[in-house]
N, C-alpha and C. Protein backbone atom coordinates (compact mmCIF):
# COMPACT_ATOMS: atom_id res chain seq x y z
N GLY A 1 0.81 -1.18 0.00
CA GLY A 1 0.00 0.00 0.00
C GLY A 1 0.86 1.26 0.00
N VAL A 2 0.20 2.37 -0.09
CA VAL A 2 0.85 3.68 -0.12
C VAL A 2 0.09 4.63 0.79
N GLN A 3 0.82 5.41 1.57
CA GLN A 3 0.21 6.47 2.36
C GLN A 3 0.98 7.75 2.12
N GLU A 4 0.32 8.74 1.57
CA GLU A 4 0.96 10.03 1.30
C GLU A 4 0.80 10.95 2.50
N PHE A 5 1.89 11.64 2.81
CA PHE A 5 1.89 12.69 3.81
C PHE A 5 2.40 13.96 3.14
N LYS A 6 2.34 15.06 3.85
CA LYS A 6 2.79 16.33 3.29
C LYS A 6 4.27 16.28 2.90
N ASN A 7 5.08 15.61 3.72
CA ASN A 7 6.53 15.63 3.49
C ASN A 7 7.14 14.24 3.24
N ALA A 8 6.31 13.22 3.07
CA ALA A 8 6.84 11.86 2.89
C ALA A 8 5.77 10.95 2.30
N ILE A 9 6.23 9.82 1.81
CA ILE A 9 5.33 8.75 1.36
C ILE A 9 5.78 7.47 2.05
N PHE A 10 4.84 6.76 2.67
CA PHE A 10 5.13 5.46 3.26
C PHE A 10 4.70 4.38 2.27
N LEU A 11 5.58 3.40 2.04
CA LEU A 11 5.21 2.21 1.29
C LEU A 11 5.04 1.07 2.29
N TRP A 12 3.91 0.37 2.18
CA TRP A 12 3.59 -0.74 3.08
C TRP A 12 3.69 -2.03 2.27
N ILE A 13 4.50 -2.97 2.75
CA ILE A 13 4.72 -4.21 2.01
C ILE A 13 4.43 -5.40 2.90
N ASN A 14 3.69 -6.35 2.33
CA ASN A 14 3.47 -7.64 2.97
C ASN A 14 4.44 -8.63 2.35
N LEU A 15 5.18 -9.33 3.18
CA LEU A 15 6.11 -10.35 2.71
C LEU A 15 5.54 -11.73 3.02
N GLY A 16 5.63 -12.62 2.05
CA GLY A 16 5.17 -13.99 2.25
C GLY A 16 3.67 -14.13 2.36
N SER A 17 2.94 -13.23 1.73
CA SER A 17 1.48 -13.26 1.82
C SER A 17 0.92 -14.54 1.23
N LYS A 18 -0.04 -15.07 1.91
CA LYS A 18 -0.71 -16.27 1.44
C LYS A 18 -1.61 -15.92 0.27
N ASP A 19 -1.57 -16.71 -0.78
CA ASP A 19 -2.45 -16.58 -1.95
C ASP A 19 -2.33 -15.22 -2.65
N ASN A 20 -1.19 -14.58 -2.57
CA ASN A 20 -1.01 -13.29 -3.23
C ASN A 20 -0.39 -13.53 -4.61
N PRO A 21 -1.00 -12.98 -5.67
CA PRO A 21 -0.46 -13.21 -7.02
C PRO A 21 0.86 -12.49 -7.29
N VAL A 22 1.23 -11.50 -6.48
CA VAL A 22 2.51 -10.82 -6.64
C VAL A 22 3.37 -11.11 -5.41
N VAL A 23 4.67 -11.11 -5.62
CA VAL A 23 5.59 -11.44 -4.52
C VAL A 23 6.51 -10.26 -4.25
N ASN A 24 6.31 -9.62 -3.12
CA ASN A 24 7.24 -8.59 -2.66
C ASN A 24 8.37 -9.30 -1.95
N ASP A 25 9.59 -8.89 -2.25
CA ASP A 25 10.72 -9.56 -1.61
C ASP A 25 11.94 -8.66 -1.64
N PHE A 26 12.90 -8.99 -0.78
CA PHE A 26 14.18 -8.30 -0.77
C PHE A 26 15.09 -8.94 -1.82
N LEU A 27 15.88 -8.12 -2.49
CA LEU A 27 16.77 -8.56 -3.56
C LEU A 27 18.18 -8.04 -3.30
N ASP A 28 19.15 -8.56 -4.05
CA ASP A 28 20.52 -8.06 -4.00
C ASP A 28 21.04 -7.98 -2.56
N ASP A 29 20.98 -9.11 -1.86
CA ASP A 29 21.43 -9.18 -0.46
C ASP A 29 20.74 -8.13 0.41
N ALA A 30 19.45 -7.95 0.18
CA ALA A 30 18.59 -7.05 0.97
C ALA A 30 18.94 -5.57 0.79
N ARG A 31 19.61 -5.24 -0.32
CA ARG A 31 19.87 -3.84 -0.63
C ARG A 31 18.76 -3.23 -1.47
N GLN A 32 17.89 -4.09 -2.00
CA GLN A 32 16.77 -3.65 -2.82
C GLN A 32 15.51 -4.40 -2.39
N VAL A 33 14.37 -3.83 -2.75
CA VAL A 33 13.10 -4.48 -2.44
C VAL A 33 12.13 -4.25 -3.61
N SER A 34 11.33 -5.27 -3.90
CA SER A 34 10.29 -5.11 -4.93
C SER A 34 9.01 -4.62 -4.25
N TRP A 35 8.25 -3.84 -4.99
CA TRP A 35 6.97 -3.33 -4.51
C TRP A 35 6.04 -3.23 -5.70
N PHE A 36 4.81 -3.65 -5.51
CA PHE A 36 3.80 -3.61 -6.56
C PHE A 36 2.72 -2.62 -6.19
N GLY A 37 2.41 -1.72 -7.12
CA GLY A 37 1.35 -0.74 -6.91
C GLY A 37 -0.01 -1.42 -6.79
N GLY A 38 -0.94 -0.75 -6.20
CA GLY A 38 -2.28 -1.29 -6.03
C GLY A 38 -3.01 -1.51 -7.34
N SER A 39 -4.09 -2.24 -7.28
CA SER A 39 -4.83 -2.64 -8.49
C SER A 39 -5.37 -1.45 -9.28
N ARG A 40 -5.58 -0.30 -8.63
CA ARG A 40 -6.10 0.88 -9.34
C ARG A 40 -5.00 1.85 -9.77
N MET A 41 -3.76 1.51 -9.49
CA MET A 41 -2.65 2.40 -9.86
C MET A 41 -2.18 2.09 -11.27
N HIS A 42 -1.80 3.16 -11.97
CA HIS A 42 -1.27 3.02 -13.33
C HIS A 42 -0.22 4.11 -13.53
N ASP A 43 0.41 4.11 -14.69
CA ASP A 43 1.51 5.04 -14.96
C ASP A 43 1.14 6.51 -14.75
N GLU A 44 -0.12 6.85 -14.96
CA GLU A 44 -0.53 8.25 -14.84
C GLU A 44 -1.15 8.59 -13.48
N SER A 45 -1.15 7.66 -12.54
CA SER A 45 -1.70 7.95 -11.21
C SER A 45 -0.85 9.01 -10.53
N PRO A 46 -1.48 10.00 -9.89
CA PRO A 46 -0.72 11.05 -9.22
C PRO A 46 0.30 10.52 -8.21
N VAL A 47 -0.06 9.50 -7.46
CA VAL A 47 0.88 8.97 -6.46
C VAL A 47 2.09 8.32 -7.13
N ILE A 48 1.91 7.72 -8.30
CA ILE A 48 3.03 7.12 -9.03
C ILE A 48 3.97 8.22 -9.52
N HIS A 49 3.41 9.31 -10.03
CA HIS A 49 4.25 10.46 -10.44
C HIS A 49 5.04 11.00 -9.25
N LYS A 50 4.38 11.10 -8.10
CA LYS A 50 5.04 11.61 -6.91
C LYS A 50 6.14 10.66 -6.45
N LEU A 51 5.89 9.36 -6.47
CA LEU A 51 6.91 8.38 -6.09
C LEU A 51 8.13 8.47 -7.01
N LEU A 52 7.88 8.55 -8.31
CA LEU A 52 8.98 8.65 -9.26
C LEU A 52 9.80 9.92 -9.02
N LYS A 53 9.11 11.03 -8.83
CA LYS A 53 9.81 12.30 -8.60
C LYS A 53 10.63 12.25 -7.31
N MET A 54 10.01 11.81 -6.24
CA MET A 54 10.70 11.76 -4.95
C MET A 54 11.84 10.74 -4.96
N GLY A 55 11.61 9.60 -5.58
CA GLY A 55 12.61 8.55 -5.59
C GLY A 55 13.81 8.86 -6.45
N GLN A 56 13.60 9.67 -7.49
CA GLN A 56 14.70 9.99 -8.40
C GLN A 56 15.43 11.27 -8.02
N GLN A 57 14.87 12.09 -7.17
CA GLN A 57 15.52 13.35 -6.82
C GLN A 57 16.58 13.17 -5.75
N HIS A 58 16.75 11.98 -5.21
CA HIS A 58 17.70 11.77 -4.12
C HIS A 58 19.12 12.14 -4.50
N ASP A 59 19.47 12.05 -5.77
CA ASP A 59 20.83 12.40 -6.19
C ASP A 59 21.13 13.88 -6.00
N ASP A 60 20.08 14.69 -5.99
CA ASP A 60 20.26 16.13 -5.85
C ASP A 60 20.28 16.60 -4.40
N VAL A 61 19.82 15.76 -3.49
CA VAL A 61 19.70 16.14 -2.09
C VAL A 61 20.57 15.21 -1.25
N LYS A 62 21.59 15.76 -0.62
CA LYS A 62 22.50 14.96 0.20
C LYS A 62 22.42 15.44 1.64
N VAL A 63 22.59 14.51 2.55
CA VAL A 63 22.62 14.86 3.98
C VAL A 63 23.84 14.19 4.60
N GLY A 64 24.23 14.68 5.76
CA GLY A 64 25.35 14.05 6.46
C GLY A 64 26.59 13.98 5.60
N LYS A 65 27.22 12.84 5.57
CA LYS A 65 28.45 12.63 4.80
C LYS A 65 28.10 12.24 3.38
N ASP A 66 27.40 13.13 2.68
CA ASP A 66 27.01 12.93 1.28
C ASP A 66 26.15 11.70 1.08
N LYS A 67 25.38 11.33 2.09
CA LYS A 67 24.44 10.22 1.94
C LYS A 67 23.20 10.72 1.22
N PRO A 68 22.63 9.89 0.33
CA PRO A 68 21.41 10.32 -0.34
C PRO A 68 20.27 10.49 0.67
N HIS A 69 19.38 11.38 0.36
CA HIS A 69 18.21 11.62 1.20
C HIS A 69 16.96 11.28 0.39
N SER A 70 16.00 10.69 1.04
CA SER A 70 14.74 10.37 0.38
C SER A 70 13.60 10.49 1.38
N ASP A 71 12.43 10.83 0.88
CA ASP A 71 11.24 10.92 1.72
C ASP A 71 10.27 9.79 1.44
N ILE A 72 10.78 8.68 0.89
CA ILE A 72 9.99 7.46 0.72
C ILE A 72 10.46 6.49 1.78
N ILE A 73 9.53 6.03 2.61
CA ILE A 73 9.89 5.22 3.78
C ILE A 73 9.18 3.87 3.70
N LEU A 74 9.96 2.82 3.90
CA LEU A 74 9.48 1.44 3.77
C LEU A 74 9.05 0.86 5.11
N TRP A 75 7.85 0.28 5.11
CA TRP A 75 7.32 -0.48 6.24
C TRP A 75 6.98 -1.87 5.73
N CYS A 76 7.42 -2.90 6.46
CA CYS A 76 7.17 -4.29 6.05
C CYS A 76 6.58 -5.09 7.20
N ARG A 77 5.79 -6.07 6.82
CA ARG A 77 5.35 -7.09 7.78
C ARG A 77 5.40 -8.44 7.08
N ARG A 78 5.59 -9.48 7.85
CA ARG A 78 5.76 -10.83 7.29
C ARG A 78 4.59 -11.71 7.72
N TYR A 79 4.12 -12.50 6.77
CA TYR A 79 3.07 -13.48 7.06
C TYR A 79 3.71 -14.70 7.71
N GLN A 80 3.16 -15.11 8.85
CA GLN A 80 3.66 -16.29 9.55
C GLN A 80 2.72 -17.46 9.29
N THR A 81 3.23 -18.45 8.60
CA THR A 81 2.38 -19.59 8.22
C THR A 81 1.92 -20.40 9.44
N ASP A 82 2.73 -20.45 10.49
CA ASP A 82 2.34 -21.24 11.66
C ASP A 82 1.15 -20.64 12.41
N THR A 83 1.09 -19.31 12.49
CA THR A 83 -0.02 -18.66 13.20
C THR A 83 -1.10 -18.16 12.24
N LYS A 84 -0.77 -18.14 10.94
CA LYS A 84 -1.67 -17.62 9.91
C LYS A 84 -2.03 -16.15 10.18
N LYS A 85 -1.05 -15.40 10.67
CA LYS A 85 -1.22 -13.99 10.95
C LYS A 85 0.01 -13.24 10.49
N PHE A 86 -0.15 -11.93 10.33
CA PHE A 86 0.98 -11.07 10.00
C PHE A 86 1.65 -10.57 11.27
N THR A 87 2.97 -10.38 11.19
CA THR A 87 3.70 -9.73 12.27
C THR A 87 3.37 -8.24 12.22
N PRO A 88 3.69 -7.50 13.27
CA PRO A 88 3.52 -6.04 13.18
C PRO A 88 4.45 -5.45 12.11
N TYR A 89 4.08 -4.30 11.59
CA TYR A 89 4.94 -3.62 10.63
C TYR A 89 6.22 -3.13 11.32
N LEU A 90 7.33 -3.22 10.58
CA LEU A 90 8.61 -2.69 11.02
C LEU A 90 9.08 -1.67 9.99
N CYS A 91 9.69 -0.60 10.46
CA CYS A 91 10.23 0.40 9.56
C CYS A 91 11.62 -0.01 9.12
N PHE A 92 11.83 -0.10 7.80
CA PHE A 92 13.13 -0.47 7.25
C PHE A 92 13.91 0.74 6.74
N GLY A 93 13.35 1.92 6.87
CA GLY A 93 14.07 3.11 6.49
C GLY A 93 13.69 3.67 5.14
N ARG A 94 14.58 4.46 4.60
CA ARG A 94 14.31 5.24 3.39
C ARG A 94 14.69 4.48 2.13
N LEU A 95 13.98 4.83 1.05
CA LEU A 95 14.17 4.19 -0.25
C LEU A 95 14.47 5.22 -1.32
N THR A 96 15.24 4.80 -2.31
CA THR A 96 15.41 5.58 -3.53
C THR A 96 15.03 4.70 -4.71
N TYR A 97 14.74 5.34 -5.80
CA TYR A 97 14.29 4.64 -7.02
C TYR A 97 15.43 3.85 -7.65
N HIS A 98 15.13 2.64 -8.07
CA HIS A 98 16.07 1.85 -8.87
C HIS A 98 15.50 1.64 -10.26
N SER A 99 14.27 1.10 -10.35
CA SER A 99 13.66 0.84 -11.66
C SER A 99 12.18 0.51 -11.47
N HIS A 100 11.48 0.50 -12.59
CA HIS A 100 10.11 0.00 -12.59
C HIS A 100 9.76 -0.49 -13.99
N VAL A 101 8.65 -1.21 -14.07
CA VAL A 101 8.19 -1.75 -15.35
C VAL A 101 6.96 -0.93 -15.76
N PRO A 102 7.15 0.07 -16.66
CA PRO A 102 6.01 0.89 -17.09
C PRO A 102 4.94 0.04 -17.75
N GLN A 103 3.72 0.46 -17.59
CA GLN A 103 2.55 -0.18 -18.19
C GLN A 103 2.33 -1.61 -17.74
N SER A 104 2.99 -2.04 -16.67
CA SER A 104 2.69 -3.36 -16.10
C SER A 104 1.48 -3.23 -15.19
N HIS A 105 0.82 -4.31 -14.94
CA HIS A 105 -0.34 -4.28 -14.04
C HIS A 105 -0.33 -5.52 -13.17
N PRO A 106 -0.10 -5.39 -11.88
CA PRO A 106 0.16 -4.12 -11.20
C PRO A 106 1.55 -3.60 -11.54
N LEU A 107 1.73 -2.29 -11.34
CA LEU A 107 3.03 -1.67 -11.61
C LEU A 107 4.08 -2.28 -10.67
N LYS A 108 5.21 -2.68 -11.25
CA LYS A 108 6.28 -3.27 -10.45
C LYS A 108 7.43 -2.29 -10.34
N PHE A 109 7.86 -2.05 -9.11
CA PHE A 109 9.00 -1.18 -8.81
C PHE A 109 10.08 -1.98 -8.10
N ILE A 110 11.31 -1.55 -8.30
CA ILE A 110 12.44 -2.00 -7.50
C ILE A 110 12.99 -0.74 -6.82
N TRP A 111 13.09 -0.77 -5.51
CA TRP A 111 13.59 0.34 -4.72
C TRP A 111 14.89 -0.04 -4.06
N LYS A 112 15.79 0.93 -3.87
CA LYS A 112 17.05 0.70 -3.15
C LYS A 112 16.89 1.20 -1.72
N LEU A 113 17.34 0.40 -0.78
CA LEU A 113 17.36 0.83 0.62
C LEU A 113 18.61 1.66 0.84
N ILE A 114 18.45 2.81 1.52
CA ILE A 114 19.62 3.67 1.78
C ILE A 114 19.82 3.86 3.27
């Protein structure tokens, strides 16, 4: 899911979801994560434009010791097969844009954890 705020966007990811047709997962030794937009999101959705803009502008904004800055924040929870319940959400920090598949449905993104 996505939650927009005035100064940030939260991405909510379920990992290991039962019966989910898309698979969100960590990639590249957990330096990247896949995220799929909701069923009503498409290339022209305002939130997708905002995610692309915010995720790609990190190269222009540096903080601390030249670390990239981003206002996209990742929250994840994992499905536990033994209890058939999700764990609470955990914050994994900030994301920057890596890539996406335009015109896919649902839209598939790869984000870099920073």
